[in-house]
N, C-alpha and C. Protein backbone atom coordinates (compact mmCIF):
# COMPACT_ATOMS: atom_id res chain seq x y z
N MET A 1 12.88 -13.32 -10.20
CA MET A 1 12.29 -13.90 -8.99
C MET A 1 10.97 -13.20 -8.71
N ALA A 2 9.93 -13.98 -8.45
CA ALA A 2 8.61 -13.43 -8.17
C ALA A 2 8.59 -12.81 -6.77
N GLU A 3 7.98 -11.63 -6.69
CA GLU A 3 7.88 -10.95 -5.41
C GLU A 3 6.75 -11.53 -4.58
N LYS A 4 7.02 -11.71 -3.28
CA LYS A 4 6.01 -12.22 -2.36
C LYS A 4 5.09 -11.08 -1.95
N LYS A 5 3.80 -11.31 -2.03
CA LYS A 5 2.81 -10.30 -1.65
C LYS A 5 2.80 -10.19 -0.12
N MET A 6 2.95 -8.97 0.37
CA MET A 6 2.96 -8.72 1.81
C MET A 6 1.72 -7.93 2.19
N THR A 7 1.36 -8.06 3.44
CA THR A 7 0.31 -7.20 3.97
C THR A 7 0.90 -5.81 4.20
N PHE A 8 0.02 -4.85 4.41
CA PHE A 8 0.47 -3.50 4.70
C PHE A 8 1.36 -3.48 5.94
N GLU A 9 0.93 -4.21 6.96
CA GLU A 9 1.67 -4.23 8.22
C GLU A 9 3.06 -4.85 8.04
N GLN A 10 3.15 -5.92 7.25
CA GLN A 10 4.45 -6.55 7.01
C GLN A 10 5.37 -5.61 6.24
N ALA A 11 4.82 -4.94 5.23
CA ALA A 11 5.62 -4.00 4.45
C ALA A 11 6.11 -2.85 5.32
N MET A 12 5.25 -2.34 6.19
CA MET A 12 5.65 -1.25 7.08
C MET A 12 6.71 -1.70 8.07
N ASP A 13 6.56 -2.91 8.61
CA ASP A 13 7.58 -3.45 9.52
C ASP A 13 8.94 -3.55 8.82
N ASN A 14 8.93 -4.08 7.59
CA ASN A 14 10.18 -4.18 6.84
C ASN A 14 10.77 -2.80 6.56
N LEU A 15 9.92 -1.86 6.21
CA LEU A 15 10.39 -0.50 5.94
C LEU A 15 10.99 0.13 7.19
N GLU A 16 10.35 -0.07 8.34
CA GLU A 16 10.88 0.47 9.59
C GLU A 16 12.24 -0.14 9.92
N GLN A 17 12.41 -1.43 9.65
CA GLN A 17 13.70 -2.09 9.90
C GLN A 17 14.78 -1.52 8.99
N ILE A 18 14.42 -1.29 7.74
CA ILE A 18 15.38 -0.71 6.79
C ILE A 18 15.81 0.67 7.25
N VAL A 19 14.85 1.50 7.61
CA VAL A 19 15.15 2.87 8.05
C VAL A 19 16.01 2.85 9.31
N ALA A 20 15.65 2.00 10.26
CA ALA A 20 16.43 1.91 11.50
C ALA A 20 17.86 1.48 11.21
N GLY A 21 18.03 0.51 10.32
CA GLY A 21 19.37 0.05 9.97
C GLY A 21 20.20 1.12 9.31
N ILE A 22 19.60 1.85 8.38
CA ILE A 22 20.33 2.91 7.69
C ILE A 22 20.65 4.05 8.66
N GLU A 23 19.66 4.48 9.44
CA GLU A 23 19.88 5.58 10.39
C GLU A 23 20.86 5.19 11.49
N GLY A 24 20.86 3.91 11.88
CA GLY A 24 21.74 3.47 12.95
C GLY A 24 23.17 3.23 12.52
N GLY A 25 23.43 3.39 11.23
CA GLY A 25 24.79 3.19 10.75
C GLY A 25 25.21 1.73 10.74
N GLU A 26 24.23 0.83 10.73
CA GLU A 26 24.53 -0.60 10.78
C GLU A 26 24.87 -1.18 9.42
N THR A 27 24.79 -0.38 8.37
CA THR A 27 25.01 -0.90 7.03
C THR A 27 26.09 -0.07 6.32
N SER A 28 26.76 -0.72 5.38
CA SER A 28 27.75 -0.01 4.58
C SER A 28 27.03 0.90 3.59
N LEU A 29 27.77 1.76 2.93
CA LEU A 29 27.18 2.66 1.96
C LEU A 29 26.50 1.87 0.84
N GLU A 30 27.17 0.86 0.33
CA GLU A 30 26.61 0.06 -0.76
C GLU A 30 25.32 -0.63 -0.32
N GLU A 31 25.35 -1.20 0.87
CA GLU A 31 24.16 -1.88 1.39
C GLU A 31 23.04 -0.87 1.67
N SER A 32 23.41 0.32 2.12
CA SER A 32 22.41 1.36 2.37
C SER A 32 21.70 1.75 1.08
N ILE A 33 22.45 1.82 -0.01
CA ILE A 33 21.84 2.15 -1.30
C ILE A 33 20.88 1.05 -1.73
N GLU A 34 21.28 -0.21 -1.56
CA GLU A 34 20.40 -1.33 -1.88
C GLU A 34 19.15 -1.31 -1.01
N LYS A 35 19.35 -1.06 0.27
CA LYS A 35 18.21 -1.00 1.20
C LYS A 35 17.29 0.17 0.87
N TYR A 36 17.86 1.29 0.45
CA TYR A 36 17.06 2.44 0.05
C TYR A 36 16.16 2.06 -1.13
N ALA A 37 16.73 1.37 -2.11
CA ALA A 37 15.95 0.93 -3.27
C ALA A 37 14.84 -0.03 -2.83
N GLU A 38 15.17 -0.94 -1.93
CA GLU A 38 14.16 -1.87 -1.39
C GLU A 38 13.06 -1.10 -0.66
N GLY A 39 13.46 -0.09 0.08
CA GLY A 39 12.49 0.73 0.81
C GLY A 39 11.55 1.48 -0.11
N THR A 40 12.06 1.99 -1.23
CA THR A 40 11.18 2.70 -2.16
C THR A 40 10.15 1.74 -2.76
N GLU A 41 10.54 0.50 -3.00
CA GLU A 41 9.58 -0.49 -3.51
C GLU A 41 8.52 -0.81 -2.45
N LEU A 42 8.94 -0.88 -1.19
CA LEU A 42 7.98 -1.12 -0.10
C LEU A 42 7.00 0.06 0.01
N ILE A 43 7.50 1.26 -0.16
CA ILE A 43 6.62 2.44 -0.11
C ILE A 43 5.58 2.37 -1.23
N LYS A 44 6.01 1.99 -2.43
CA LYS A 44 5.07 1.85 -3.55
C LYS A 44 4.01 0.81 -3.23
N GLN A 45 4.43 -0.30 -2.64
CA GLN A 45 3.48 -1.35 -2.28
C GLN A 45 2.50 -0.85 -1.22
N CYS A 46 2.98 -0.14 -0.22
CA CYS A 46 2.10 0.41 0.82
C CYS A 46 1.10 1.39 0.22
N ARG A 47 1.56 2.24 -0.68
CA ARG A 47 0.65 3.20 -1.32
C ARG A 47 -0.43 2.48 -2.12
N ALA A 48 -0.05 1.40 -2.82
CA ALA A 48 -1.03 0.65 -3.61
C ALA A 48 -2.08 0.02 -2.69
N ILE A 49 -1.63 -0.52 -1.56
CA ILE A 49 -2.56 -1.13 -0.60
C ILE A 49 -3.50 -0.06 -0.04
N LEU A 50 -2.95 1.10 0.31
CA LEU A 50 -3.78 2.19 0.85
C LEU A 50 -4.75 2.72 -0.20
N ASP A 51 -4.31 2.82 -1.45
CA ASP A 51 -5.20 3.27 -2.52
C ASP A 51 -6.37 2.31 -2.70
N ALA A 52 -6.09 1.00 -2.65
CA ALA A 52 -7.15 0.00 -2.77
C ALA A 52 -8.12 0.09 -1.60
N ALA A 53 -7.59 0.31 -0.40
CA ALA A 53 -8.44 0.44 0.79
C ALA A 53 -9.32 1.69 0.68
N GLU A 54 -8.74 2.77 0.21
CA GLU A 54 -9.51 4.01 0.05
C GLU A 54 -10.63 3.81 -0.97
N LYS A 55 -10.32 3.12 -2.06
CA LYS A 55 -11.33 2.85 -3.08
C LYS A 55 -12.48 2.03 -2.49
N LYS A 56 -12.13 1.05 -1.67
CA LYS A 56 -13.16 0.21 -1.04
C LYS A 56 -14.01 1.03 -0.08
N ILE A 57 -13.39 1.89 0.70
CA ILE A 57 -14.11 2.72 1.65
C ILE A 57 -15.08 3.65 0.93
N ARG A 58 -14.65 4.17 -0.23
CA ARG A 58 -15.53 5.07 -0.99
C ARG A 58 -16.77 4.36 -1.50
N LEU A 59 -16.72 3.04 -1.60
CA LEU A 59 -17.87 2.28 -2.07
C LEU A 59 -18.90 2.04 -0.97
N LEU A 60 -18.52 2.32 0.26
CA LEU A 60 -19.45 2.12 1.36
C LEU A 60 -20.48 3.24 1.41
N ALA A 61 -21.70 2.88 1.69
CA ALA A 61 -22.78 3.87 1.80
C ALA A 61 -23.62 3.52 3.02
N ARG A 62 -24.36 4.46 3.50
CA ARG A 62 -25.24 4.23 4.64
C ARG A 62 -26.55 3.61 4.15
N ASP A 63 -27.01 2.58 4.87
CA ASP A 63 -28.32 2.03 4.54
C ASP A 63 -29.39 2.81 5.31
N GLU A 64 -30.64 2.44 5.14
CA GLU A 64 -31.74 3.18 5.76
C GLU A 64 -31.68 3.17 7.28
N ALA A 65 -31.10 2.13 7.87
CA ALA A 65 -31.00 2.02 9.32
C ALA A 65 -29.77 2.74 9.86
N GLY A 66 -28.97 3.34 8.98
CA GLY A 66 -27.78 4.05 9.43
C GLY A 66 -26.54 3.20 9.45
N GLY A 67 -26.67 1.92 9.09
CA GLY A 67 -25.51 1.04 9.04
C GLY A 67 -24.80 1.18 7.71
N LEU A 68 -23.62 0.58 7.63
CA LEU A 68 -22.86 0.65 6.39
C LEU A 68 -23.20 -0.53 5.50
N LYS A 69 -23.25 -0.28 4.21
CA LYS A 69 -23.43 -1.35 3.24
C LYS A 69 -22.52 -1.06 2.06
N VAL A 70 -22.21 -2.08 1.30
CA VAL A 70 -21.37 -1.90 0.12
C VAL A 70 -22.25 -1.35 -0.99
N ALA A 71 -21.81 -0.27 -1.61
CA ALA A 71 -22.60 0.39 -2.63
C ALA A 71 -22.24 -0.07 -4.03
N GLY A 72 -21.19 -0.85 -4.19
CA GLY A 72 -20.79 -1.31 -5.51
C GLY A 72 -19.65 -2.30 -5.42
N GLU A 73 -19.24 -2.78 -6.56
CA GLU A 73 -18.14 -3.73 -6.62
C GLU A 73 -16.83 -2.99 -6.81
N LEU A 74 -15.75 -3.57 -6.32
CA LEU A 74 -14.43 -3.00 -6.54
C LEU A 74 -13.96 -3.41 -7.92
N GLU A 75 -13.90 -2.49 -8.80
CA GLU A 75 -13.43 -2.71 -10.17
C GLU A 75 -12.49 -1.59 -10.53
N ASP A 76 -11.83 -1.73 -11.64
CA ASP A 76 -10.97 -0.67 -12.16
C ASP A 76 -11.87 0.44 -12.68
N ASP A 77 -11.88 1.59 -12.01
CA ASP A 77 -12.76 2.70 -12.36
C ASP A 77 -12.51 3.22 -13.78
N SER A 78 -11.27 3.19 -14.22
CA SER A 78 -10.94 3.80 -15.51
C SER A 78 -11.60 3.10 -16.67
N ALA A 79 -11.82 1.79 -16.59
CA ALA A 79 -12.42 1.04 -17.70
C ALA A 79 -13.91 1.31 -17.82
N ASP A 80 -14.59 1.54 -16.71
CA ASP A 80 -16.05 1.70 -16.72
C ASP A 80 -16.49 3.15 -16.64
N ALA A 81 -15.56 4.06 -16.54
CA ALA A 81 -15.92 5.47 -16.38
C ALA A 81 -16.58 5.99 -17.66
N PRO A 82 -17.68 6.73 -17.49
CA PRO A 82 -18.33 7.31 -18.68
C PRO A 82 -17.43 8.39 -19.28
N PRO A 83 -17.52 8.60 -20.58
CA PRO A 83 -16.68 9.63 -21.19
C PRO A 83 -17.06 11.01 -20.67
N ALA A 84 -16.08 11.86 -20.55
CA ALA A 84 -16.28 13.21 -20.00
C ALA A 84 -16.91 14.13 -21.02
């Protein structure tokens, strides 16, 4: 089954619901384990979203008037990186 792409906020909301359910004792042990696995996947997705946002922010530079401008395109850095 294909995973639906969520926004950061949606993933965090789902993660908070999972944590609340597990902490509140609303789930059985088996369901808690399944929810834990689902939560770890949500955490990975949130980290990926945050990493992409950080990469985009790093591309911002100040223009001559002090405003922000995009300094480059968002691409996979590893493919274009010069050899060390």
